PDB file of N, CA and C in Angstrom:
ATOM      1  N   MET A   1     -18.962  -7.683  14.854  1.00  0.00           N
ATOM      2  CA  MET A   1     -18.317  -8.732  14.246  1.00  0.00           C
ATOM      3  C   MET A   1     -16.776  -8.789  15.080  1.00  0.00           C
ATOM      4  N   ASN A   2     -16.273  -9.950  15.754  1.00  0.00           N
ATOM      5  CA  ASN A   2     -15.316  -9.909  16.731  1.00  0.00           C
ATOM      6  C   ASN A   2     -13.849 -10.562  15.714  1.00  0.00           C
ATOM      7  N   THR A   3     -13.142  -8.421  15.700  1.00  0.00           N
ATOM      8  CA  THR A   3     -11.841  -9.372  15.266  1.00  0.00           C
ATOM      9  C   THR A   3     -10.753 -10.348  16.156  1.00  0.00           C
ATOM     10  N   SER A   4     -11.085 -10.754  16.458  1.00  0.00           N
ATOM     11  CA  SER A   4     -10.326 -11.927  17.163  1.00  0.00           C
ATOM     12  C   SER A   4     -10.669 -12.862  16.044  1.00  0.00           C
ATOM     13  N   ALA A   5     -11.674 -13.301  14.922  1.00  0.00           N
ATOM     14  CA  ALA A   5     -11.987 -14.492  14.270  1.00  0.00           C
ATOM     15  C   ALA A   5     -11.379 -14.200  12.539  1.00  0.00           C
ATOM     16  N   PHE A   6     -10.448 -12.615  12.807  1.00  0.00           N
ATOM     17  CA  PHE A   6      -9.798 -12.133  11.458  1.00  0.00           C
ATOM     18  C   PHE A   6      -8.269 -12.669  11.547  1.00  0.00           C
ATOM     19  N   THR A   7      -7.541 -12.924  10.722  1.00  0.00           N
ATOM     20  CA  THR A   7      -6.282 -13.341  10.493  1.00  0.00           C
ATOM     21  C   THR A   7      -5.191 -12.779   9.119  1.00  0.00           C
ATOM     22  N   ILE A   8      -4.220 -11.601   9.400  1.00  0.00           N
ATOM     23  CA  ILE A   8      -3.480 -10.916   8.479  1.00  0.00           C
ATOM     24  C   ILE A   8      -2.888 -11.910   7.051  1.00  0.00           C
ATOM     25  N   VAL A   9      -3.451 -11.483   6.538  1.00  0.00           N
ATOM     26  CA  VAL A   9      -3.096 -12.532   5.215  1.00  0.00           C
ATOM     27  C   VAL A   9      -1.447 -11.760   4.580  1.00  0.00           C
ATOM     28  N   ARG A  10      -1.916  -9.968   4.539  1.00  0.00           N
ATOM     29  CA  ARG A  10      -0.755  -9.532   3.822  1.00  0.00           C
ATOM     30  C   ARG A  10      -0.332  -8.191   4.325  1.00  0.00           C
ATOM     31  N   THR A  11       0.527  -7.873   4.572  1.00  0.00           N
ATOM     32  CA  THR A  11       1.312  -6.324   4.474  1.00  0.00           C
ATOM     33  C   THR A  11       1.270  -5.677   3.383  1.00  0.00           C
ATOM     34  N   ALA A  12       0.201  -4.318   3.253  1.00  0.00           N
ATOM     35  CA  ALA A  12       0.852  -3.676   2.058  1.00  0.00           C
ATOM     36  C   ALA A  12       1.662  -2.520   2.671  1.00  0.00           C
ATOM     37  N   ARG A  13       2.422  -1.576   1.498  1.00  0.00           N
ATOM     38  CA  ARG A  13       2.898  -0.299   1.907  1.00  0.00           C
ATOM     39  C   ARG A  13       1.748   0.445   1.915  1.00  0.00           C
ATOM     40  N   THR A  14       0.713   0.579   0.737  1.00  0.00           N
ATOM     41  CA  THR A  14       0.486   1.700   0.697  1.00  0.00           C
ATOM     42  C   THR A  14      -0.998   1.147   0.813  1.00  0.00           C
ATOM     43  N   GLU A  15      -1.813   2.707   1.578  1.00  0.00           N
ATOM     44  CA  GLU A  15      -3.483   2.389   1.578  1.00  0.00           C
ATOM     45  C   GLU A  15      -3.722   1.995  -0.674  1.00  0.00           C
ATOM     46  N   ILE A  16      -3.264   2.143  -1.431  1.00  0.00           N
ATOM     47  CA  ILE A  16      -4.212   1.702  -2.894  1.00  0.00           C
ATOM     48  C   ILE A  16      -3.618   0.647  -3.053  1.00  0.00           C
ATOM     49  N   GLU A  17      -2.275   0.140  -2.430  1.00  0.00           N
ATOM     50  CA  GLU A  17      -2.011  -1.382  -2.665  1.00  0.00           C
ATOM     51  C   GLU A  17      -2.523  -2.532  -1.804  1.00  0.00           C
ATOM     52  N   ALA A  18      -3.014  -2.064  -0.691  1.00  0.00           N
ATOM     53  CA  ALA A  18      -3.681  -2.166   0.392  1.00  0.00           C
ATOM     54  C   ALA A  18      -5.754  -2.878   0.044  1.00  0.00           C
ATOM     55  N   ASP A  19      -5.830  -1.614  -0.872  1.00  0.00           N
ATOM     56  CA  ASP A  19      -7.125  -1.857  -1.525  1.00  0.00           C
ATOM     57  C   ASP A  19      -7.404  -2.307  -2.995  1.00  0.00           C
ATOM     58  N   LEU A  20      -5.864  -2.341  -3.437  1.00  0.00           N
ATOM     59  CA  LEU A  20      -5.795  -3.284  -4.716  1.00  0.00           C
ATOM     60  C   LEU A  20      -6.634  -5.256  -4.292  1.00  0.00           C
ATOM     61  N   ILE A  21      -5.378  -4.958  -3.036  1.00  0.00           N
ATOM     62  CA  ILE A  21      -5.271  -6.498  -2.706  1.00  0.00           C
ATOM     63  C   ILE A  21      -7.000  -6.561  -2.112  1.00  0.00           C
ATOM     64  N   ILE A  22      -7.025  -6.239  -1.754  1.00  0.00           N
ATOM     65  CA  ILE A  22      -8.672  -6.174  -0.877  1.00  0.00           C
ATOM     66  C   ILE A  22      -9.170  -6.631  -2.199  1.00  0.00           C
ATOM     67  N   ALA A  23      -9.882  -5.966  -2.832  1.00  0.00           N
ATOM     68  CA  ALA A  23     -10.357  -6.396  -4.680  1.00  0.00           C
ATOM     69  C   ALA A  23      -9.866  -7.079  -5.208  1.00  0.00           C
ATOM     70  N   ILE A  24      -8.727  -7.370  -5.175  1.00  0.00           N
ATOM     71  CA  ILE A  24      -8.184  -9.410  -5.634  1.00  0.00           C
ATOM     72  C   ILE A  24      -8.526 -10.435  -4.598  1.00  0.00           C
ATOM     73  N   LEU A  25      -9.287  -9.825  -3.901  1.00  0.00           N
ATOM     74  CA  LEU A  25      -9.598 -11.294  -3.154  1.00  0.00           C
ATOM     75  C   LEU A  25     -10.619 -11.275  -2.936  1.00  0.00           C
ATOM     76  N   ARG A  26     -11.809 -10.260  -2.656  1.00  0.00           N
ATOM     77  CA  ARG A  26     -13.042 -10.340  -3.087  1.00  0.00           C
ATOM     78  C   ARG A  26     -13.306 -11.014  -4.462  1.00  0.00           C
ATOM     79  N   SER A  27     -13.000 -10.553  -5.642  1.00  0.00           N
ATOM     80  CA  SER A  27     -13.161 -10.961  -7.270  1.00  0.00           C
ATOM     81  C   SER A  27     -13.130 -12.530  -7.143  1.00  0.00           C
ATOM     82  N   ASN A  28     -12.399 -12.807  -6.334  1.00  0.00           N
ATOM     83  CA  ASN A  28     -12.032 -14.486  -6.091  1.00  0.00           C
ATOM     84  C   ASN A  28     -13.037 -15.193  -4.736  1.00  0.00           C
ATOM     85  N   GLY A  29     -14.146 -14.556  -4.773  1.00  0.00           N
ATOM     86  CA  GLY A  29     -15.072 -14.961  -3.383  1.00  0.00           C
ATOM     87  C   GLY A  29     -14.640 -15.673  -1.995  1.00  0.00           C
ATOM     88  N   LEU A  30     -13.575 -14.482  -1.463  1.00  0.00           N
ATOM     89  CA  LEU A  30     -12.973 -14.519   0.107  1.00  0.00           C
ATOM     90  C   LEU A  30     -13.543 -12.859   0.249  1.00  0.00           C
ATOM     91  N   HIS A  31     -13.253 -12.651   1.375  1.00  0.00           N
ATOM     92  CA  HIS A  31     -14.268 -11.810   2.114  1.00  0.00           C
ATOM     93  C   HIS A  31     -13.229 -11.170   3.367  1.00  0.00           C
ATOM     94  N   PRO A  32     -12.549 -10.089   2.330  1.00  0.00           N
ATOM     95  CA  PRO A  32     -11.494  -9.192   3.633  1.00  0.00           C
ATOM     96  C   PRO A  32     -11.899  -8.353   4.439  1.00  0.00           C
ATOM     97  N   LEU A  33     -11.502  -7.746   5.340  1.00  0.00           N
ATOM     98  CA  LEU A  33     -12.087  -6.757   5.769  1.00  0.00           C
ATOM     99  C   LEU A  33     -11.881  -5.282   4.978  1.00  0.00           C
ATOM    100  N   ASP A  34     -12.575  -4.284   5.329  1.00  0.00           N
ATOM    101  CA  ASP A  34     -12.554  -3.705   4.692  1.00  0.00           C
ATOM    102  C   ASP A  34     -11.721  -2.364   5.664  1.00  0.00           C
ATOM    103  N   LEU A  35     -10.471  -1.551   4.536  1.00  0.00           N
ATOM    104  CA  LEU A  35      -9.360  -1.319   5.447  1.00  0.00           C
ATOM    105  C   LEU A  35     -10.099  -0.272   6.285  1.00  0.00           C
ATOM    106  N   ARG A  36     -11.576   0.395   6.392  1.00  0.00           N
ATOM    107  CA  ARG A  36     -11.939   1.587   7.690  1.00  0.00           C
ATOM    108  C   ARG A  36     -12.616   0.914   8.198  1.00  0.00           C
ATOM    109  N   THR A  37     -12.767  -0.714   8.654  1.00  0.00           N
ATOM    110  CA  THR A  37     -13.425  -1.682   9.231  1.00  0.00           C
ATOM    111  C   THR A  37     -11.762  -2.241  10.177  1.00  0.00           C
ATOM    112  N   ALA A  38     -10.872  -2.152   8.852  1.00  0.00           N
ATOM    113  CA  ALA A  38      -9.950  -3.436  10.197  1.00  0.00           C
ATOM    114  C   ALA A  38      -8.969  -2.670  11.456  1.00  0.00           C
ATOM    115  N   SER A  39      -8.506  -3.776  12.131  1.00  0.00           N
ATOM    116  CA  SER A  39      -8.610  -3.376  13.031  1.00  0.00           C
ATOM    117  C   SER A  39      -6.881  -2.365  13.536  1.00  0.00           C
ATOM    118  N   ASN A  40      -6.171  -1.893  12.388  1.00  0.00           N
ATOM    119  CA  ASN A  40      -5.216  -1.299  12.625  1.00  0.00           C
ATOM    120  C   ASN A  40      -5.171  -0.072  11.544  1.00  0.00           C
ATOM    121  N   PHE A  41      -7.163   0.578  11.511  1.00  0.00           N
ATOM    122  CA  PHE A  41      -6.983   1.797  10.704  1.00  0.00           C
ATOM    123  C   PHE A  41      -6.594   2.798  11.204  1.00  0.00           C
ATOM    124  N   SER A  42      -5.937   4.124  10.707  1.00  0.00           N
ATOM    125  CA  SER A  42      -5.703   5.097  11.347  1.00  0.00           C
ATOM    126  C   SER A  42      -6.216   6.181  10.275  1.00  0.00           C
ATOM    127  N   PHE A  43      -6.577   7.317  10.814  1.00  0.00           N
ATOM    128  CA  PHE A  43      -7.036   8.832  10.199  1.00  0.00           C
ATOM    129  C   PHE A  43      -5.233   9.382   9.740  1.00  0.00           C
ATOM    130  N   GLY A  44      -5.743  10.715   8.120  1.00  0.00           N
ATOM    131  CA  GLY A  44      -4.087  11.168   7.958  1.00  0.00           C
ATOM    132  C   GLY A  44      -3.288  10.476   7.204  1.00  0.00           C
ATOM    133  N   GLY A  45      -2.645   9.178   6.988  1.00  0.00           N
ATOM    134  CA  GLY A  45      -2.222   8.325   6.484  1.00  0.00           C
ATOM    135  C   GLY A  45      -0.972   8.185   7.291  1.00  0.00           C
ATOM    136  N   ALA A  46      -1.588   8.303   8.404  1.00  0.00           N
ATOM    137  CA  ALA A  46       0.011   7.745   9.760  1.00  0.00           C
ATOM    138  C   ALA A  46       0.010   6.522  10.070  1.00  0.00           C
ATOM    139  N   ASP A  47      -0.565   5.209   8.855  1.00  0.00           N
ATOM    140  CA  ASP A  47      -0.079   4.230   9.187  1.00  0.00           C
ATOM    141  C   ASP A  47       0.992   4.328   8.073  1.00  0.00           C
ATOM    142  N   ILE A  48       2.379   2.800   8.434  1.00  0.00           N
ATOM    143  CA  ILE A  48       3.193   3.252   7.987  1.00  0.00           C
ATOM    144  C   ILE A  48       3.152   1.441   6.742  1.00  0.00           C
ATOM    145  N   SER A  49       1.917   1.157   7.449  1.00  0.00           N
ATOM    146  CA  SER A  49       1.737  -0.391   6.455  1.00  0.00           C
ATOM    147  C   SER A  49       0.091  -0.601   6.280  1.00  0.00           C
ATOM    148  N   TYR A  50      -0.194  -1.113   5.773  1.00  0.00           N
ATOM    149  CA  TYR A  50      -2.021  -1.543   5.739  1.00  0.00           C
ATOM    150  C   TYR A  50      -2.259  -2.493   5.830  1.00  0.00           C
ATOM    151  N   LYS A  51      -2.795  -3.637   6.608  1.00  0.00           N
ATOM    152  CA  LYS A  51      -3.031  -4.962   7.018  1.00  0.00           C
ATOM    153  C   LYS A  51      -4.250  -5.576   6.751  1.00  0.00           C
ATOM    154  N   VAL A  52      -4.202  -6.662   5.186  1.00  0.00           N
ATOM    155  CA  VAL A  52      -5.004  -7.456   4.867  1.00  0.00           C
ATOM    156  C   VAL A  52      -5.201  -8.280   5.677  1.00  0.00           C
ATOM    157  N   GLU A  53      -6.497  -8.560   6.106  1.00  0.00           N
ATOM    158  CA  GLU A  53      -7.327  -9.490   6.983  1.00  0.00           C
ATOM    159  C   GLU A  53      -8.248 -10.049   6.680  1.00  0.00           C
ATOM    160  N   VAL A  54      -8.511 -11.224   6.131  1.00  0.00           N
ATOM    161  CA  VAL A  54     -10.113 -11.950   6.145  1.00  0.00           C
ATOM    162  C   VAL A  54     -10.172 -12.992   7.383  1.00  0.00           C
ATOM    163  N   PRO A  55     -11.402 -13.642   7.089  1.00  0.00           N
ATOM    164  CA  PRO A  55     -12.349 -14.022   7.890  1.00  0.00           C
ATOM    165  C   PRO A  55     -10.771 -15.396   8.433  1.00  0.00           C
ATOM    166  N   THR A  56     -10.628 -15.688   9.538  1.00  0.00           N
ATOM    167  CA  THR A  56      -9.459 -16.574   9.756  1.00  0.00           C
ATOM    168  C   THR A  56      -9.741 -17.851   8.782  1.00  0.00           C
ATOM    169  N   ALA A  57     -10.852 -18.411   9.294  1.00  0.00           N
ATOM    170  CA  ALA A  57     -11.319 -19.837   7.857  1.00  0.00           C
ATOM    171  C   ALA A  57     -10.974 -19.652   6.169  1.00  0.00           C
ATOM    172  N   GLU A  58     -10.756 -18.807   5.927  1.00  0.00           N
ATOM    173  CA  GLU A  58     -10.134 -18.395   5.213  1.00  0.00           C
ATOM    174  C   GLU A  58      -8.407 -18.204   4.955  1.00  0.00           C
ATOM    175  N   ALA A  59      -8.544 -18.075   5.684  1.00  0.00           N
ATOM    176  CA  ALA A  59      -6.393 -17.098   5.906  1.00  0.00           C
ATOM    177  C   ALA A  59      -6.139 -18.285   4.913  1.00  0.00           C
ATOM    178  N   LYS A  60      -6.008 -19.416   5.356  1.00  0.00           N
ATOM    179  CA  LYS A  60      -4.530 -20.542   4.369  1.00  0.00           C
ATOM    180  C   LYS A  60      -5.237 -20.123   3.221  1.00  0.00           C
ATOM    181  N   GLU A  61      -6.447 -20.588   2.623  1.00  0.00           N
ATOM    182  CA  GLU A  61      -6.550 -19.901   1.271  1.00  0.00           C
ATOM    183  C   GLU A  61      -6.524 -18.728   0.412  1.00  0.00           C
ATOM    184  N   ALA A  62      -6.512 -17.699   1.101  1.00  0.00           N
ATOM    185  CA  ALA A  62      -6.384 -16.160   0.541  1.00  0.00           C
ATOM    186  C   ALA A  62      -4.917 -16.199   0.435  1.00  0.00           C
ATOM    187  N   LYS A  63      -3.771 -16.710   1.545  1.00  0.00           N
ATOM    188  CA  LYS A  63      -2.562 -16.516   1.703  1.00  0.00           C
ATOM    189  C   LYS A  63      -1.611 -17.311   0.050  1.00  0.00           C
ATOM    190  N   GLU A  64      -2.629 -18.924   0.068  1.00  0.00           N
ATOM    191  CA  GLU A  64      -2.489 -19.346  -1.050  1.00  0.00           C
ATOM    192  C   GLU A  64      -2.345 -18.753  -2.513  1.00  0.00           C
ATOM    193  N   PHE A  65      -3.495 -18.120  -2.213  1.00  0.00           N
ATOM    194  CA  PHE A  65      -3.910 -17.498  -3.631  1.00  0.00           C
ATOM    195  C   PHE A  65      -3.118 -16.209  -3.652  1.00  0.00           C
ATOM    196  N   LEU A  66      -2.838 -15.662  -2.884  1.00  0.00           N
ATOM    197  CA  LEU A  66      -1.805 -14.786  -2.817  1.00  0.00           C
ATOM    198  C   LEU A  66      -0.225 -14.973  -3.101  1.00  0.00           C
ATOM    199  N   GLN A  67      -0.244 -15.675  -2.814  1.00  0.00           N
ATOM    200  CA  GLN A  67       1.419 -16.698  -3.251  1.00  0.00           C
ATOM    201  C   GLN A  67       2.301 -16.502  -4.328  1.00  0.00           C
ATOM    202  N   ALA A  68       0.221 -17.613  -5.146  1.00  0.00           N
ATOM    203  CA  ALA A  68       0.692 -17.844  -6.232  1.00  0.00           C
ATOM    204  C   ALA A  68       0.126 -15.964  -7.314  1.00  0.00           C
ATOM    205  N   LEU A  69       0.125 -15.490  -6.649  1.00  0.00           N
ATOM    206  CA  LEU A  69       0.137 -14.349  -7.798  1.00  0.00           C
ATOM    207  C   LEU A  69       1.486 -13.575  -7.820  1.00  0.00           C
ATOM    208  N   ASP A  70       2.048 -13.999  -6.484  1.00  0.00           N
ATOM    209  CA  ASP A  70       3.287 -13.466  -6.114  1.00  0.00           C
ATOM    210  C   ASP A  70       4.465 -14.248  -7.163  1.00  0.00           C
ATOM    211  N   ASN A  71       3.997 -15.336  -7.806  1.00  0.00           N
ATOM    212  CA  ASN A  71       5.157 -16.395  -8.669  1.00  0.00           C
ATOM    213  C   ASN A  71       3.710 -16.346  -9.824  1.00  0.00           C
ATOM    214  N   PRO A  72       3.806 -15.965 -10.989  1.00  0.00           N
ATOM    215  CA  PRO A  72       2.621 -15.998 -11.721  1.00  0.00           C
ATOM    216  C   PRO A  72       2.932 -17.502 -12.382  1.00  0.00           C
ATOM    217  N   THR A  73       4.693 -17.870 -12.971  1.00  0.00           N
ATOM    218  CA  THR A  73       4.441 -18.833 -13.547  1.00  0.00           C
ATOM    219  C   THR A  73       3.902 -20.157 -12.993  1.00  0.00           C
ATOM    220  N   HIS A  74       3.278 -19.621 -11.800  1.00  0.00           N
ATOM    221  CA  HIS A  74       2.199 -21.190 -11.194  1.00  0.00           C
ATOM    222  C   HIS A  74       1.047 -21.034 -11.729  1.00  0.00           C
ATOM    223  N   ILE A  75       0.601 -19.956 -12.700  1.00  0.00           N
ATOM    224  CA  ILE A  75      -0.791 -19.545 -12.556  1.00  0.00           C
ATOM    225  C   ILE A  75      -1.018 -19.298 -14.374  1.00  0.00           C
ATOM    226  N   LEU A  76      -0.011 -19.257 -14.767  1.00  0.00           N
ATOM    227  CA  LEU A  76      -0.296 -19.201 -16.324  1.00  0.00           C
ATOM    228  C   LEU A  76      -0.398 -20.446 -16.740  1.00  0.00           C
ATOM    229  N   PRO A  77      -1.244 -20.558 -17.688  1.00  0.00           N
ATOM    230  CA  PRO A  77      -1.061 -21.885 -18.381  1.00  0.00           C
ATOM    231  C   PRO A  77       0.352 -22.396 -19.014  1.00  0.00           C
ATOM    232  N   PRO A  78       0.628 -23.275 -19.567  1.00  0.00           N
ATOM    233  CA  PRO A  78       2.185 -23.989 -19.750  1.00  0.00           C
ATOM    234  C   PRO A  78       2.418 -23.132 -20.901  1.00  0.00           C
ATOM    235  N   SER A  79       1.480 -23.303 -21.957  1.00  0.00           N
ATOM    236  CA  SER A  79       1.591 -22.931 -23.250  1.00  0.00           C
ATOM    237  C   SER A  79       1.959 -21.224 -23.259  1.00  0.00           C
ATOM    238  N   GLN A  80       2.043 -20.817 -22.200  1.00  0.00           N
ATOM    239  CA  GLN A  80       2.557 -18.838 -21.916  1.00  0.00           C
ATOM    240  C   GLN A  80       3.879 -19.109 -20.861  1.00  0.00           C
ATOM    241  N   SER A  81       4.303 -17.989 -21.495  1.00  0.00           N
ATOM    242  CA  SER A  81       5.558 -17.964 -20.340  1.00  0.00           C
ATOM    243  C   SER A  81       5.890 -16.097 -20.211  1.00  0.00           C
ATOM    244  N   LEU A  82       6.252 -15.798 -19.308  1.00  0.00           N
ATOM    245  CA  LEU A  82       6.479 -14.193 -19.422  1.00  0.00           C
ATOM    246  C   LEU A  82       7.944 -14.209 -19.780  1.00  0.00           C
ATOM    247  N   PRO A  83       7.741 -12.693 -20.653  1.00  0.00           N
ATOM    248  CA  PRO A  83       9.180 -11.890 -20.916  1.00  0.00           C
ATOM    249  C   PRO A  83      10.356 -12.255 -20.342  1.00  0.00           C
ATOM    250  N   SER A  84      11.657 -12.514 -20.333  1.00  0.00           N
ATOM    251  CA  SER A  84      12.432 -12.832 -19.831  1.00  0.00           C
ATOM    252  C   SER A  84      12.956 -11.497 -19.704  1.00  0.00           C
ATOM    253  N   SER A  85      13.702 -11.666 -18.192  1.00  0.00           N
ATOM    254  CA  SER A  85      14.250 -10.414 -17.303  1.00  0.00           C
ATOM    255  C   SER A  85      15.719 -10.194 -17.759  1.00  0.00           C
ATOM    256  N   ARG A  86      16.385 -11.169 -18.827  1.00  0.00           N
ATOM    257  CA  ARG A  86      17.409 -11.165 -18.975  1.00  0.00           C
ATOM    258  C   ARG A  86      17.479  -9.720 -20.111  1.00  0.00           C
ATOM    259  N   SER A  87      18.989  -8.713 -19.535  1.00  0.00           N
ATOM    260  CA  SER A  87      19.046  -7.887 -20.469  1.00  0.00           C
ATOM    261  C   SER A  87      19.990  -8.248 -22.114  1.00  0.00           C
ATOM    262  N   ARG A  88      19.102  -7.799 -23.333  1.00  0.00           N
ATOM    263  CA  ARG A  88      19.674  -7.969 -24.480  1.00  0.00           C
ATOM    264  C   ARG A  88      20.971  -7.131 -24.396  1.00  0.00           C
ATOM    265  N   LYS A  89      21.789  -7.898 -25.868  1.00  0.00           N
ATOM    266  CA  LYS A  89      22.995  -7.385 -26.197  1.00  0.00           C
ATOM    267  C   LYS A  89      22.694  -6.570 -26.832  1.00  0.00           C
ATOM    268  N   PRO A  90      23.444  -5.389 -27.185  1.00  0.00           N
ATOM    269  CA  PRO A  90      23.081  -4.521 -28.279  1.00  0.00           C
ATOM    270  C   PRO A  90      23.385  -4.909 -29.824  1.00  0.00           C
ATOM    271  N   THR A  91      22.179  -4.583 -30.779  1.00  0.00           N
ATOM    272  CA  THR A  91      22.589  -5.296 -31.880  1.00  0.00           C
ATOM    273  C   THR A  91      23.684  -3.818 -32.256  1.00  0.00           C
ATOM    274  N   PRO A  92      24.835  -4.492 -33.498  1.00  0.00           N
ATOM    275  CA  PRO A  92      25.211  -3.667 -34.145  1.00  0.00           C
ATOM    276  C   PRO A  92      25.055  -2.475 -34.941  1.00  0.00           C
TER     277      PRO A  92
END
């Protein structure tokens, strides 16, 4: 495969985070490169970041999908909400 036909859609801090992003993209019908075939892969944990790459034709869809995951209020049905992050007052 020609690596110029791929676009980086997310940079992860760890290999585990990158593998999770890749699995999520795959489970939603996208085709990210495996880290071992990606253009930035190195051995021995020497990388300080891991780039998740998808075919350029899927880049826009993958970026939009990942942005929706970053802001879960856009993917939850209107009847559901996330717990508030505000601190509660202690009960006397």
